[in-house]
Amino acid sequence: MSDALTTSGTSSQTSDTDLAARRFSRSMIVSGVRCMLTYVVFPWLLPALGWASGVGPWIGLPIGLLAIGFNVDSIRRFRASDHRMRVLVMAINVGVIALLAVLVVGDLAELLG
């Protein structure tokens, strides 16, 4: 009987760790897409093709806010897990949130200014 409980507890911890890792991956992908749009697509690629002049902040702002939300969710998940690198992953998430906050403020300044 204790084996069943141990196995069940281990399975639950593994699924929590897997879910936390998937959430971290998703938050990093969304943040990466936001940065690629901000630094490659909007300032270089689309203007070179003659498209999307001035639409960067309109698209970047919601994507940045979404990315921040995914990073916060990732922090919450890792905080609840027993993942061996949870402190490092949470620190990375906080750093990414800080960088995204700078981009969001820049987008707001461009839209309101």
PDB file of N, CA and C in Angstrom:
ATOM      1  N   MET A   1       0.824  -1.193   0.000  1.00  0.00           N
ATOM      2  CA  MET A   1       0.000   0.000   0.000  1.00  0.00           C
ATOM      3  C   MET A   1       0.865   1.252   0.000  1.00  0.00           C
ATOM      4  N   SER A   2       1.949   1.261   0.766  1.00  0.00           N
ATOM      5  CA  SER A   2       2.799   2.445   0.788  1.00  0.00           C
ATOM      6  C   SER A   2       3.493   2.656  -0.550  1.00  0.00           C
ATOM      7  N   ASP A   3       3.766   1.557  -1.310  1.00  0.00           N
ATOM      8  CA  ASP A   3       4.332   1.695  -2.646  1.00  0.00           C
ATOM      9  C   ASP A   3       3.391   2.448  -3.561  1.00  0.00           C
ATOM     10  N   ALA A   4       2.097   2.157  -3.469  1.00  0.00           N
ATOM     11  CA  ALA A   4       1.108   2.833  -4.314  1.00  0.00           C
ATOM     12  C   ALA A   4       1.084   4.323  -4.003  1.00  0.00           C
ATOM     13  N   LEU A   5       1.186   4.659  -2.715  1.00  0.00           N
ATOM     14  CA  LEU A   5       1.183   6.070  -2.351  1.00  0.00           C
ATOM     15  C   LEU A   5       2.456   6.754  -2.813  1.00  0.00           C
ATOM     16  N   THR A   6       3.582   6.079  -2.668  1.00  0.00           N
ATOM     17  CA  THR A   6       4.848   6.648  -3.103  1.00  0.00           C
ATOM     18  C   THR A   6       4.864   6.850  -4.599  1.00  0.00           C
ATOM     19  N   THR A   7       4.410   5.863  -5.340  1.00  0.00           N
ATOM     20  CA  THR A   7       4.374   5.965  -6.800  1.00  0.00           C
ATOM     21  C   THR A   7       3.442   7.082  -7.231  1.00  0.00           C
ATOM     22  N   SER A   8       2.273   7.155  -6.578  1.00  0.00           N
ATOM     23  CA  SER A   8       1.312   8.198  -6.917  1.00  0.00           C
ATOM     24  C   SER A   8       1.884   9.577  -6.621  1.00  0.00           C
ATOM     25  N   GLY A   9       2.548   9.723  -5.476  1.00  0.00           N
ATOM     26  CA  GLY A   9       3.146  11.010  -5.128  1.00  0.00           C
ATOM     27  C   GLY A   9       4.241  11.401  -6.085  1.00  0.00           C
ATOM     28  N   THR A  10       5.061  10.433  -6.498  1.00  0.00           N
ATOM     29  CA  THR A  10       6.133  10.705  -7.447  1.00  0.00           C
ATOM     30  C   THR A  10       5.565  11.103  -8.789  1.00  0.00           C
ATOM     31  N   SER A  11       4.512  10.425  -9.204  1.00  0.00           N
ATOM     32  CA  SER A  11       3.874  10.739 -10.488  1.00  0.00           C
ATOM     33  C   SER A  11       3.314  12.150 -10.475  1.00  0.00           C
ATOM     34  N   SER A  12       2.712  12.522  -9.352  1.00  0.00           N
ATOM     35  CA  SER A  12       2.153  13.866  -9.231  1.00  0.00           C
ATOM     36  C   SER A  12       3.250  14.919  -9.271  1.00  0.00           C
ATOM     37  N   GLN A  13       4.366  14.647  -8.572  1.00  0.00           N
ATOM     38  CA  GLN A  13       5.475  15.592  -8.574  1.00  0.00           C
ATOM     39  C   GLN A  13       6.090  15.713  -9.955  1.00  0.00           C
ATOM     40  N   THR A  14       6.191  14.585 -10.665  1.00  0.00           N
ATOM     41  CA  THR A  14       6.741  14.604 -12.022  1.00  0.00           C
ATOM     42  C   THR A  14       5.839  15.399 -12.945  1.00  0.00           C
ATOM     43  N   SER A  15       4.526  15.190 -12.834  1.00  0.00           N
ATOM     44  CA  SER A  15       3.624  15.932 -13.712  1.00  0.00           C
ATOM     45  C   SER A  15       3.647  17.428 -13.383  1.00  0.00           C
ATOM     46  N   ASP A  16       3.777  17.787 -12.103  1.00  0.00           N
ATOM     47  CA  ASP A  16       3.893  19.199 -11.733  1.00  0.00           C
ATOM     48  C   ASP A  16       5.178  19.803 -12.299  1.00  0.00           C
ATOM     49  N   THR A  17       6.268  19.049 -12.221  1.00  0.00           N
ATOM     50  CA  THR A  17       7.543  19.520 -12.757  1.00  0.00           C
ATOM     51  C   THR A  17       7.475  19.639 -14.268  1.00  0.00           C
ATOM     52  N   ASP A  18       6.859  18.651 -14.928  1.00  0.00           N
ATOM     53  CA  ASP A  18       6.703  18.713 -16.384  1.00  0.00           C
ATOM     54  C   ASP A  18       5.848  19.904 -16.796  1.00  0.00           C
ATOM     55  N   LEU A  19       4.760  20.129 -16.065  1.00  0.00           N
ATOM     56  CA  LEU A  19       3.891  21.260 -16.370  1.00  0.00           C
ATOM     57  C   LEU A  19       4.633  22.578 -16.166  1.00  0.00           C
ATOM     58  N   ALA A  20       5.409  22.658 -15.097  1.00  0.00           N
ATOM     59  CA  ALA A  20       6.191  23.878 -14.847  1.00  0.00           C
ATOM     60  C   ALA A  20       7.194  24.101 -15.976  1.00  0.00           C
ATOM     61  N   ALA A  21       7.841  23.033 -16.423  1.00  0.00           N
ATOM     62  CA  ALA A  21       8.814  23.162 -17.517  1.00  0.00           C
ATOM     63  C   ALA A  21       8.128  23.573 -18.815  1.00  0.00           C
ATOM     64  N   ARG A  22       6.958  23.037 -19.086  1.00  0.00           N
ATOM     65  CA  ARG A  22       6.215  23.436 -20.300  1.00  0.00           C
ATOM     66  C   ARG A  22       5.798  24.897 -20.221  1.00  0.00           C
ATOM     67  N   ARG A  23       5.370  25.341 -19.051  1.00  0.00           N
ATOM     68  CA  ARG A  23       4.978  26.746 -18.902  1.00  0.00           C
ATOM     69  C   ARG A  23       6.181  27.667 -19.082  1.00  0.00           C
ATOM     70  N   PHE A  24       7.327  27.254 -18.558  1.00  0.00           N
ATOM     71  CA  PHE A  24       8.538  28.056 -18.748  1.00  0.00           C
ATOM     72  C   PHE A  24       8.881  28.129 -20.233  1.00  0.00           C
ATOM     73  N   SER A  25       8.828  26.999 -20.912  1.00  0.00           N
ATOM     74  CA  SER A  25       9.132  26.981 -22.349  1.00  0.00           C
ATOM     75  C   SER A  25       8.183  27.885 -23.114  1.00  0.00           C
ATOM     76  N   ARG A  26       6.910  27.809 -22.790  1.00  0.00           N
ATOM     77  CA  ARG A  26       5.921  28.644 -23.481  1.00  0.00           C
ATOM     78  C   ARG A  26       6.186  30.121 -23.218  1.00  0.00           C
ATOM     79  N   SER A  27       6.510  30.469 -21.983  1.00  0.00           N
ATOM     80  CA  SER A  27       6.759  31.877 -21.678  1.00  0.00           C
ATOM     81  C   SER A  27       8.001  32.382 -22.404  1.00  0.00           C
ATOM     82  N   MET A  28       9.019  31.544 -22.535  1.00  0.00           N
ATOM     83  CA  MET A  28      10.236  31.948 -23.246  1.00  0.00           C
ATOM     84  C   MET A  28       9.969  32.082 -24.748  1.00  0.00           C
ATOM     85  N   ILE A  29       9.128  31.209 -25.301  1.00  0.00           N
ATOM     86  CA  ILE A  29       8.791  31.301 -26.729  1.00  0.00           C
ATOM     87  C   ILE A  29       8.039  32.598 -27.007  1.00  0.00           C
ATOM     88  N   VAL A  30       7.036  32.902 -26.190  1.00  0.00           N
ATOM     89  CA  VAL A  30       6.263  34.140 -26.398  1.00  0.00           C
ATOM     90  C   VAL A  30       7.170  35.354 -26.228  1.00  0.00           C
ATOM     91  N   SER A  31       8.042  35.339 -25.230  1.00  0.00           N
ATOM     92  CA  SER A  31       8.972  36.460 -25.030  1.00  0.00           C
ATOM     93  C   SER A  31       9.935  36.582 -26.207  1.00  0.00           C
ATOM     94  N   GLY A  32      10.407  35.448 -26.714  1.00  0.00           N
ATOM     95  CA  GLY A  32      11.306  35.452 -27.876  1.00  0.00           C
ATOM     96  C   GLY A  32      10.632  35.993 -29.118  1.00  0.00           C
ATOM     97  N   VAL A  33       9.376  35.604 -29.330  1.00  0.00           N
ATOM     98  CA  VAL A  33       8.627  36.127 -30.481  1.00  0.00           C
ATOM     99  C   VAL A  33       8.473  37.632 -30.356  1.00  0.00           C
ATOM    100  N   ARG A  34       8.184  38.093 -29.147  1.00  0.00           N
ATOM    101  CA  ARG A  34       8.041  39.538 -28.908  1.00  0.00           C
ATOM    102  C   ARG A  34       9.335  40.270 -29.253  1.00  0.00           C
ATOM    103  N   CYS A  35      10.446  39.727 -28.829  1.00  0.00           N
ATOM    104  CA  CYS A  35      11.732  40.374 -29.112  1.00  0.00           C
ATOM    105  C   CYS A  35      12.075  40.321 -30.591  1.00  0.00           C
ATOM    106  N   MET A  36      11.778  39.210 -31.248  1.00  0.00           N
ATOM    107  CA  MET A  36      12.048  39.114 -32.680  1.00  0.00           C
ATOM    108  C   MET A  36      11.205  40.129 -33.455  1.00  0.00           C
ATOM    109  N   LEU A  37       9.954  40.271 -33.068  1.00  0.00           N
ATOM    110  CA  LEU A  37       9.104  41.267 -33.724  1.00  0.00           C
ATOM    111  C   LEU A  37       9.646  42.676 -33.482  1.00  0.00           C
ATOM    112  N   THR A  38      10.029  42.959 -32.236  1.00  0.00           N
ATOM    113  CA  THR A  38      10.483  44.294 -31.869  1.00  0.00           C
ATOM    114  C   THR A  38      11.796  44.679 -32.524  1.00  0.00           C
ATOM    115  N   TYR A  39      12.734  43.740 -32.600  1.00  0.00           N
ATOM    116  CA  TYR A  39      14.084  44.087 -33.040  1.00  0.00           C
ATOM    117  C   TYR A  39      14.427  43.670 -34.463  1.00  0.00           C
ATOM    118  N   VAL A  40      13.625  42.808 -35.072  1.00  0.00           N
ATOM    119  CA  VAL A  40      13.950  42.347 -36.426  1.00  0.00           C
ATOM    120  C   VAL A  40      12.827  42.658 -37.410  1.00  0.00           C
ATOM    121  N   VAL A  41      11.636  42.159 -37.111  1.00  0.00           N
ATOM    122  CA  VAL A  41      10.540  42.259 -38.082  1.00  0.00           C
ATOM    123  C   VAL A  41      10.075  43.695 -38.279  1.00  0.00           C
ATOM    124  N   PHE A  42       9.707  44.386 -37.191  1.00  0.00           N
ATOM    125  CA  PHE A  42       9.145  45.728 -37.335  1.00  0.00           C
ATOM    126  C   PHE A  42      10.153  46.782 -37.767  1.00  0.00           C
ATOM    127  N   PRO A  43      11.348  46.821 -37.201  1.00  0.00           N
ATOM    128  CA  PRO A  43      12.253  47.893 -37.622  1.00  0.00           C
ATOM    129  C   PRO A  43      12.999  47.616 -38.921  1.00  0.00           C
ATOM    130  N   TRP A  44      13.159  46.358 -39.338  1.00  0.00           N
ATOM    131  CA  TRP A  44      14.002  46.051 -40.499  1.00  0.00           C
ATOM    132  C   TRP A  44      13.241  45.384 -41.636  1.00  0.00           C
ATOM    133  N   LEU A  45      12.583  44.288 -41.331  1.00  0.00           N
ATOM    134  CA  LEU A  45      11.993  43.471 -42.382  1.00  0.00           C
ATOM    135  C   LEU A  45      10.792  44.138 -43.046  1.00  0.00           C
ATOM    136  N   LEU A  46       9.805  44.516 -42.268  1.00  0.00           N
ATOM    137  CA  LEU A  46       8.598  45.102 -42.861  1.00  0.00           C
ATOM    138  C   LEU A  46       8.851  46.450 -43.538  1.00  0.00           C
ATOM    139  N   PRO A  47       9.611  47.365 -42.935  1.00  0.00           N
ATOM    140  CA  PRO A  47       9.903  48.612 -43.658  1.00  0.00           C
ATOM    141  C   PRO A  47      10.690  48.380 -44.947  1.00  0.00           C
ATOM    142  N   ALA A  48      11.562  47.379 -44.958  1.00  0.00           N
ATOM    143  CA  ALA A  48      12.306  47.081 -46.190  1.00  0.00           C
ATOM    144  C   ALA A  48      11.368  46.636 -47.297  1.00  0.00           C
ATOM    145  N   LEU A  49      10.271  46.017 -46.907  1.00  0.00           N
ATOM    146  CA  LEU A  49       9.260  45.604 -47.882  1.00  0.00           C
ATOM    147  C   LEU A  49       8.213  46.688 -48.127  1.00  0.00           C
ATOM    148  N   GLY A  50       8.316  47.795 -47.395  1.00  0.00           N
ATOM    149  CA  GLY A  50       7.378  48.904 -47.570  1.00  0.00           C
ATOM    150  C   GLY A  50       6.081  48.722 -46.803  1.00  0.00           C
ATOM    151  N   TRP A  51       6.083  47.845 -45.805  1.00  0.00           N
ATOM    152  CA  TRP A  51       4.872  47.564 -45.029  1.00  0.00           C
ATOM    153  C   TRP A  51       5.038  47.983 -43.575  1.00  0.00           C
ATOM    154  N   ALA A  52       3.926  48.148 -42.941  1.00  0.00           N
ATOM    155  CA  ALA A  52       3.813  48.228 -41.481  1.00  0.00           C
ATOM    156  C   ALA A  52       4.606  49.354 -40.837  1.00  0.00           C
ATOM    157  N   SER A  53       4.669  50.471 -41.468  1.00  0.00           N
ATOM    158  CA  SER A  53       5.338  51.608 -40.841  1.00  0.00           C
ATOM    159  C   SER A  53       4.500  52.091 -39.658  1.00  0.00           C
ATOM    160  N   GLY A  54       5.075  52.070 -38.469  1.00  0.00           N
ATOM    161  CA  GLY A  54       4.396  52.570 -37.280  1.00  0.00           C
ATOM    162  C   GLY A  54       3.448  51.615 -36.592  1.00  0.00           C
ATOM    163  N   VAL A  55       3.345  50.368 -37.025  1.00  0.00           N
ATOM    164  CA  VAL A  55       2.431  49.439 -36.356  1.00  0.00           C
ATOM    165  C   VAL A  55       3.095  48.647 -35.243  1.00  0.00           C
ATOM    166  N   GLY A  56       4.416  48.776 -35.098  1.00  0.00           N
ATOM    167  CA  GLY A  56       5.141  48.021 -34.081  1.00  0.00           C
ATOM    168  C   GLY A  56       4.544  48.103 -32.693  1.00  0.00           C
ATOM    169  N   PRO A  57       4.313  49.314 -32.179  1.00  0.00           N
ATOM    170  CA  PRO A  57       3.759  49.414 -30.825  1.00  0.00           C
ATOM    171  C   PRO A  57       2.350  48.824 -30.702  1.00  0.00           C
ATOM    172  N   TRP A  58       1.562  48.925 -31.746  1.00  0.00           N
ATOM    173  CA  TRP A  58       0.196  48.390 -31.695  1.00  0.00           C
ATOM    174  C   TRP A  58       0.195  46.871 -31.583  1.00  0.00           C
ATOM    175  N   ILE A  59       1.164  46.232 -32.156  1.00  0.00           N
ATOM    176  CA  ILE A  59       1.257  44.776 -32.072  1.00  0.00           C
ATOM    177  C   ILE A  59       2.150  44.373 -30.901  1.00  0.00           C
ATOM    178  N   GLY A  60       3.212  45.114 -30.674  1.00  0.00           N
ATOM    179  CA  GLY A  60       4.157  44.788 -29.617  1.00  0.00           C
ATOM    180  C   GLY A  60       3.577  44.896 -28.217  1.00  0.00           C
ATOM    181  N   LEU A  61       2.716  45.883 -27.986  1.00  0.00           N
ATOM    182  CA  LEU A  61       2.151  46.084 -26.651  1.00  0.00           C
ATOM    183  C   LEU A  61       1.334  44.877 -26.181  1.00  0.00           C
ATOM    184  N   PRO A  62       0.356  44.409 -26.944  1.00  0.00           N
ATOM    185  CA  PRO A  62      -0.393  43.244 -26.456  1.00  0.00           C
ATOM    186  C   PRO A  62       0.453  41.976 -26.353  1.00  0.00           C
ATOM    187  N   ILE A  63       1.390  41.802 -27.284  1.00  0.00           N
ATOM    188  CA  ILE A  63       2.250  40.622 -27.210  1.00  0.00           C
ATOM    189  C   ILE A  63       3.155  40.713 -25.982  1.00  0.00           C
ATOM    190  N   GLY A  64       3.665  41.897 -25.690  1.00  0.00           N
ATOM    191  CA  GLY A  64       4.496  42.086 -24.502  1.00  0.00           C
ATOM    192  C   GLY A  64       3.730  41.809 -23.219  1.00  0.00           C
ATOM    193  N   LEU A  65       2.506  42.298 -23.144  1.00  0.00           N
ATOM    194  CA  LEU A  65       1.689  42.046 -21.954  1.00  0.00           C
ATOM    195  C   LEU A  65       1.357  40.561 -21.818  1.00  0.00           C
ATOM    196  N   LEU A  66       1.080  39.911 -22.938  1.00  0.00           N
ATOM    197  CA  LEU A  66       0.820  38.470 -22.930  1.00  0.00           C
ATOM    198  C   LEU A  66       2.064  37.706 -22.470  1.00  0.00           C
ATOM    199  N   ALA A  67       3.223  38.109 -22.964  1.00  0.00           N
ATOM    200  CA  ALA A  67       4.475  37.457 -22.574  1.00  0.00           C
ATOM    201  C   ALA A  67       4.739  37.631 -21.077  1.00  0.00           C
ATOM    202  N   ILE A  68       4.467  38.812 -20.545  1.00  0.00           N
ATOM    203  CA  ILE A  68       4.628  39.034 -19.109  1.00  0.00           C
ATOM    204  C   ILE A  68       3.692  38.108 -18.330  1.00  0.00           C
ATOM    205  N   GLY A  69       2.469  37.982 -18.791  1.00  0.00           N
ATOM    206  CA  GLY A  69       1.514  37.076 -18.141  1.00  0.00           C
ATOM    207  C   GLY A  69       1.997  35.639 -18.138  1.00  0.00           C
ATOM    208  N   PHE A  70       2.538  35.179 -19.273  1.00  0.00           N
ATOM    209  CA  PHE A  70       3.062  33.808 -19.340  1.00  0.00           C
ATOM    210  C   PHE A  70       4.257  33.632 -18.406  1.00  0.00           C
ATOM    211  N   ASN A  71       5.102  34.646 -18.295  1.00  0.00           N
ATOM    212  CA  ASN A  71       6.242  34.556 -17.396  1.00  0.00           C
ATOM    213  C   ASN A  71       5.800  34.522 -15.934  1.00  0.00           C
ATOM    214  N   VAL A  72       4.806  35.300 -15.580  1.00  0.00           N
ATOM    215  CA  VAL A  72       4.271  35.273 -14.218  1.00  0.00           C
ATOM    216  C   VAL A  72       3.680  33.892 -13.922  1.00  0.00           C
ATOM    217  N   ASP A  73       2.951  33.333 -14.883  1.00  0.00           N
ATOM    218  CA  ASP A  73       2.392  31.993 -14.720  1.00  0.00           C
ATOM    219  C   ASP A  73       3.505  30.959 -14.533  1.00  0.00           C
ATOM    220  N   SER A  74       4.571  31.098 -15.292  1.00  0.00           N
ATOM    221  CA  SER A  74       5.706  30.193 -15.164  1.00  0.00           C
ATOM    222  C   SER A  74       6.331  30.294 -13.767  1.00  0.00           C
ATOM    223  N   ILE A  75       6.468  31.499 -13.258  1.00  0.00           N
ATOM    224  CA  ILE A  75       7.011  31.685 -11.906  1.00  0.00           C
ATOM    225  C   ILE A  75       6.119  31.000 -10.881  1.00  0.00           C
ATOM    226  N   ARG A  76       4.815  31.188 -11.008  1.00  0.00           N
ATOM    227  CA  ARG A  76       3.881  30.568 -10.063  1.00  0.00           C
ATOM    228  C   ARG A  76       4.001  29.047 -10.102  1.00  0.00           C
ATOM    229  N   ARG A  77       4.112  28.483 -11.296  1.00  0.00           N
ATOM    230  CA  ARG A  77       4.227  27.033 -11.452  1.00  0.00           C
ATOM    231  C   ARG A  77       5.525  26.505 -10.862  1.00  0.00           C
ATOM    232  N   PHE A  78       6.633  27.167 -11.167  1.00  0.00           N
ATOM    233  CA  PHE A  78       7.919  26.703 -10.654  1.00  0.00           C
ATOM    234  C   PHE A  78       8.011  26.862  -9.151  1.00  0.00           C
ATOM    235  N   ARG A  79       7.404  27.897  -8.634  1.00  0.00           N
ATOM    236  CA  ARG A  79       7.422  28.104  -7.190  1.00  0.00           C
ATOM    237  C   ARG A  79       6.739  26.956  -6.458  1.00  0.00           C
ATOM    238  N   ALA A  80       5.699  26.398  -7.070  1.00  0.00           N
ATOM    239  CA  ALA A  80       4.952  25.296  -6.459  1.00  0.00           C
ATOM    240  C   ALA A  80       5.599  23.934  -6.713  1.00  0.00           C
ATOM    241  N   SER A  81       6.557  23.857  -7.608  1.00  0.00           N
ATOM    242  CA  SER A  81       7.156  22.564  -7.948  1.00  0.00           C
ATOM    243  C   SER A  81       8.408  22.303  -7.114  1.00  0.00           C
ATOM    244  N   ASP A  82       8.899  21.082  -7.220  1.00  0.00           N
ATOM    245  CA  ASP A  82      10.155  20.711  -6.557  1.00  0.00           C
ATOM    246  C   ASP A  82      11.285  20.621  -7.570  1.00  0.00           C
ATOM    247  N   HIS A  83      11.166  21.347  -8.660  1.00  0.00           N
ATOM    248  CA  HIS A  83      12.179  21.279  -9.717  1.00  0.00           C
ATOM    249  C   HIS A  83      13.526  21.719  -9.146  1.00  0.00           C
ATOM    250  N   ARG A  84      14.592  21.014  -9.529  1.00  0.00           N
ATOM    251  CA  ARG A  84      15.909  21.291  -8.944  1.00  0.00           C
ATOM    252  C   ARG A  84      16.458  22.657  -9.341  1.00  0.00           C
ATOM    253  N   MET A  85      15.997  23.215 -10.441  1.00  0.00           N
ATOM    254  CA  MET A  85      16.506  24.516 -10.906  1.00  0.00           C
ATOM    255  C   MET A  85      15.447  25.612 -10.801  1.00  0.00           C
ATOM    256  N   ARG A  86      14.508  25.436  -9.897  1.00  0.00           N
ATOM    257  CA  ARG A  86      13.383  26.376  -9.852  1.00  0.00           C
ATOM    258  C   ARG A  86      13.819  27.801  -9.533  1.00  0.00           C
ATOM    259  N   VAL A  87      14.783  27.986  -8.653  1.00  0.00           N
ATOM    260  CA  VAL A  87      15.218  29.348  -8.303  1.00  0.00           C
ATOM    261  C   VAL A  87      15.861  30.012  -9.518  1.00  0.00           C
ATOM    262  N   LEU A  88      16.684  29.272 -10.243  1.00  0.00           N
ATOM    263  CA  LEU A  88      17.321  29.824 -11.441  1.00  0.00           C
ATOM    264  C   LEU A  88      16.279  30.174 -12.507  1.00  0.00           C
ATOM    265  N   VAL A  89      15.329  29.290 -12.712  1.00  0.00           N
ATOM    266  CA  VAL A  89      14.290  29.538 -13.715  1.00  0.00           C
ATOM    267  C   VAL A  89      13.436  30.737 -13.320  1.00  0.00           C
ATOM    268  N   MET A  90      13.110  30.844 -12.039  1.00  0.00           N
ATOM    269  CA  MET A  90      12.326  31.998 -11.595  1.00  0.00           C
ATOM    270  C   MET A  90      13.122  33.292 -11.772  1.00  0.00           C
ATOM    271  N   ALA A  91      14.428  33.239 -11.536  1.00  0.00           N
ATOM    272  CA  ALA A  91      15.270  34.425 -11.738  1.00  0.00           C
ATOM    273  C   ALA A  91      15.307  34.822 -13.217  1.00  0.00           C
ATOM    274  N   ILE A  92      15.402  33.833 -14.092  1.00  0.00           N
ATOM    275  CA  ILE A  92      15.370  34.115 -15.531  1.00  0.00           C
ATOM    276  C   ILE A  92      14.044  34.764 -15.903  1.00  0.00           C
ATOM    277  N   ASN A  93      12.949  34.216 -15.388  1.00  0.00           N
ATOM    278  CA  ASN A  93      11.631  34.796 -15.660  1.00  0.00           C
ATOM    279  C   ASN A  93      11.550  36.244 -15.187  1.00  0.00           C
ATOM    280  N   VAL A  94      12.072  36.534 -14.013  1.00  0.00           N
ATOM    281  CA  VAL A  94      12.035  37.902 -13.495  1.00  0.00           C
ATOM    282  C   VAL A  94      12.847  38.828 -14.400  1.00  0.00           C
ATOM    283  N   GLY A  95      14.010  38.359 -14.848  1.00  0.00           N
ATOM    284  CA  GLY A  95      14.814  39.157 -15.769  1.00  0.00           C
ATOM    285  C   GLY A  95      14.101  39.434 -17.077  1.00  0.00           C
ATOM    286  N   VAL A  96      13.436  38.407 -17.617  1.00  0.00           N
ATOM    287  CA  VAL A  96      12.686  38.576 -18.866  1.00  0.00           C
ATOM    288  C   VAL A  96      11.517  39.539 -18.650  1.00  0.00           C
ATOM    289  N   ILE A  97      10.842  39.430 -17.515  1.00  0.00           N
ATOM    290  CA  ILE A  97       9.738  40.355 -17.216  1.00  0.00           C
ATOM    291  C   ILE A  97      10.260  41.789 -17.165  1.00  0.00           C
ATOM    292  N   ALA A  98      11.408  41.999 -16.559  1.00  0.00           N
ATOM    293  CA  ALA A  98      11.981  43.355 -16.491  1.00  0.00           C
ATOM    294  C   ALA A  98      12.269  43.897 -17.888  1.00  0.00           C
ATOM    295  N   LEU A  99      12.853  43.065 -18.736  1.00  0.00           N
ATOM    296  CA  LEU A  99      13.134  43.501 -20.115  1.00  0.00           C
ATOM    297  C   LEU A  99      11.838  43.772 -20.885  1.00  0.00           C
ATOM    298  N   LEU A 100      10.860  42.911 -20.717  1.00  0.00           N
ATOM    299  CA  LEU A 100       9.577  43.119 -21.388  1.00  0.00           C
ATOM    300  C   LEU A 100       8.886  44.381 -20.872  1.00  0.00           C
ATOM    301  N   ALA A 101       9.023  44.668 -19.586  1.00  0.00           N
ATOM    302  CA  ALA A 101       8.415  45.881 -19.024  1.00  0.00           C
ATOM    303  C   ALA A 101       9.005  47.122 -19.685  1.00  0.00           C
ATOM    304  N   VAL A 102      10.305  47.101 -19.936  1.00  0.00           N
ATOM    305  CA  VAL A 102      10.943  48.227 -20.629  1.00  0.00           C
ATOM    306  C   VAL A 102      10.338  48.379 -22.030  1.00  0.00           C
ATOM    307  N   LEU A 103      10.153  47.257 -22.728  1.00  0.00           N
ATOM    308  CA  LEU A 103       9.553  47.326 -24.073  1.00  0.00           C
ATOM    309  C   LEU A 103       8.109  47.818 -24.012  1.00  0.00           C
ATOM    310  N   VAL A 104       7.339  47.372 -23.021  1.00  0.00           N
ATOM    311  CA  VAL A 104       5.953  47.805 -22.890  1.00  0.00           C
ATOM    312  C   VAL A 104       5.894  49.304 -22.630  1.00  0.00           C
ATOM    313  N   VAL A 105       6.761  49.795 -21.745  1.00  0.00           N
ATOM    314  CA  VAL A 105       6.796  51.242 -21.465  1.00  0.00           C
ATOM    315  C   VAL A 105       7.175  52.005 -22.728  1.00  0.00           C
ATOM    316  N   GLY A 106       8.141  51.495 -23.482  1.00  0.00           N
ATOM    317  CA  GLY A 106       8.516  52.134 -24.756  1.00  0.00           C
ATOM    318  C   GLY A 106       7.377  52.155 -25.749  1.00  0.00           C
ATOM    319  N   ASP A 107       6.645  51.051 -25.845  1.00  0.00           N
ATOM    320  CA  ASP A 107       5.482  51.006 -26.734  1.00  0.00           C
ATOM    321  C   ASP A 107       4.427  52.004 -26.308  1.00  0.00           C
ATOM    322  N   LEU A 108       4.162  52.066 -24.999  1.00  0.00           N
ATOM    323  CA  LEU A 108       3.175  53.044 -24.500  1.00  0.00           C
ATOM    324  C   LEU A 108       3.615  54.469 -24.771  1.00  0.00           C
ATOM    325  N   ALA A 109       4.880  54.749 -24.550  1.00  0.00           N
ATOM    326  CA  ALA A 109       5.393  56.104 -24.800  1.00  0.00           C
ATOM    327  C   ALA A 109       5.247  56.472 -26.278  1.00  0.00           C
ATOM    328  N   GLU A 110       5.507  55.504 -27.152  1.00  0.00           N
ATOM    329  CA  GLU A 110       5.383  55.775 -28.587  1.00  0.00           C
ATOM    330  C   GLU A 110       3.929  55.971 -28.995  1.00  0.00           C
ATOM    331  N   LEU A 111       3.039  55.206 -28.391  1.00  0.00           N
ATOM    332  CA  LEU A 111       1.623  55.332 -28.730  1.00  0.00           C
ATOM    333  C   LEU A 111       1.009  56.618 -28.176  1.00  0.00           C
ATOM    334  N   LEU A 112       1.427  57.010 -26.988  1.00  0.00           N
ATOM    335  CA  LEU A 112       0.832  58.183 -26.331  1.00  0.00           C
ATOM    336  C   LEU A 112       1.574  59.470 -26.656  1.00  0.00           C
ATOM    337  N   GLY A 113       2.775  59.344 -27.209  1.00  0.00           N
ATOM    338  CA  GLY A 113       3.596  60.543 -27.448  1.00  0.00           C
ATOM    339  C   GLY A 113       3.482  61.119 -28.794  1.00  0.00           C
TER     340      GLY A 113
END
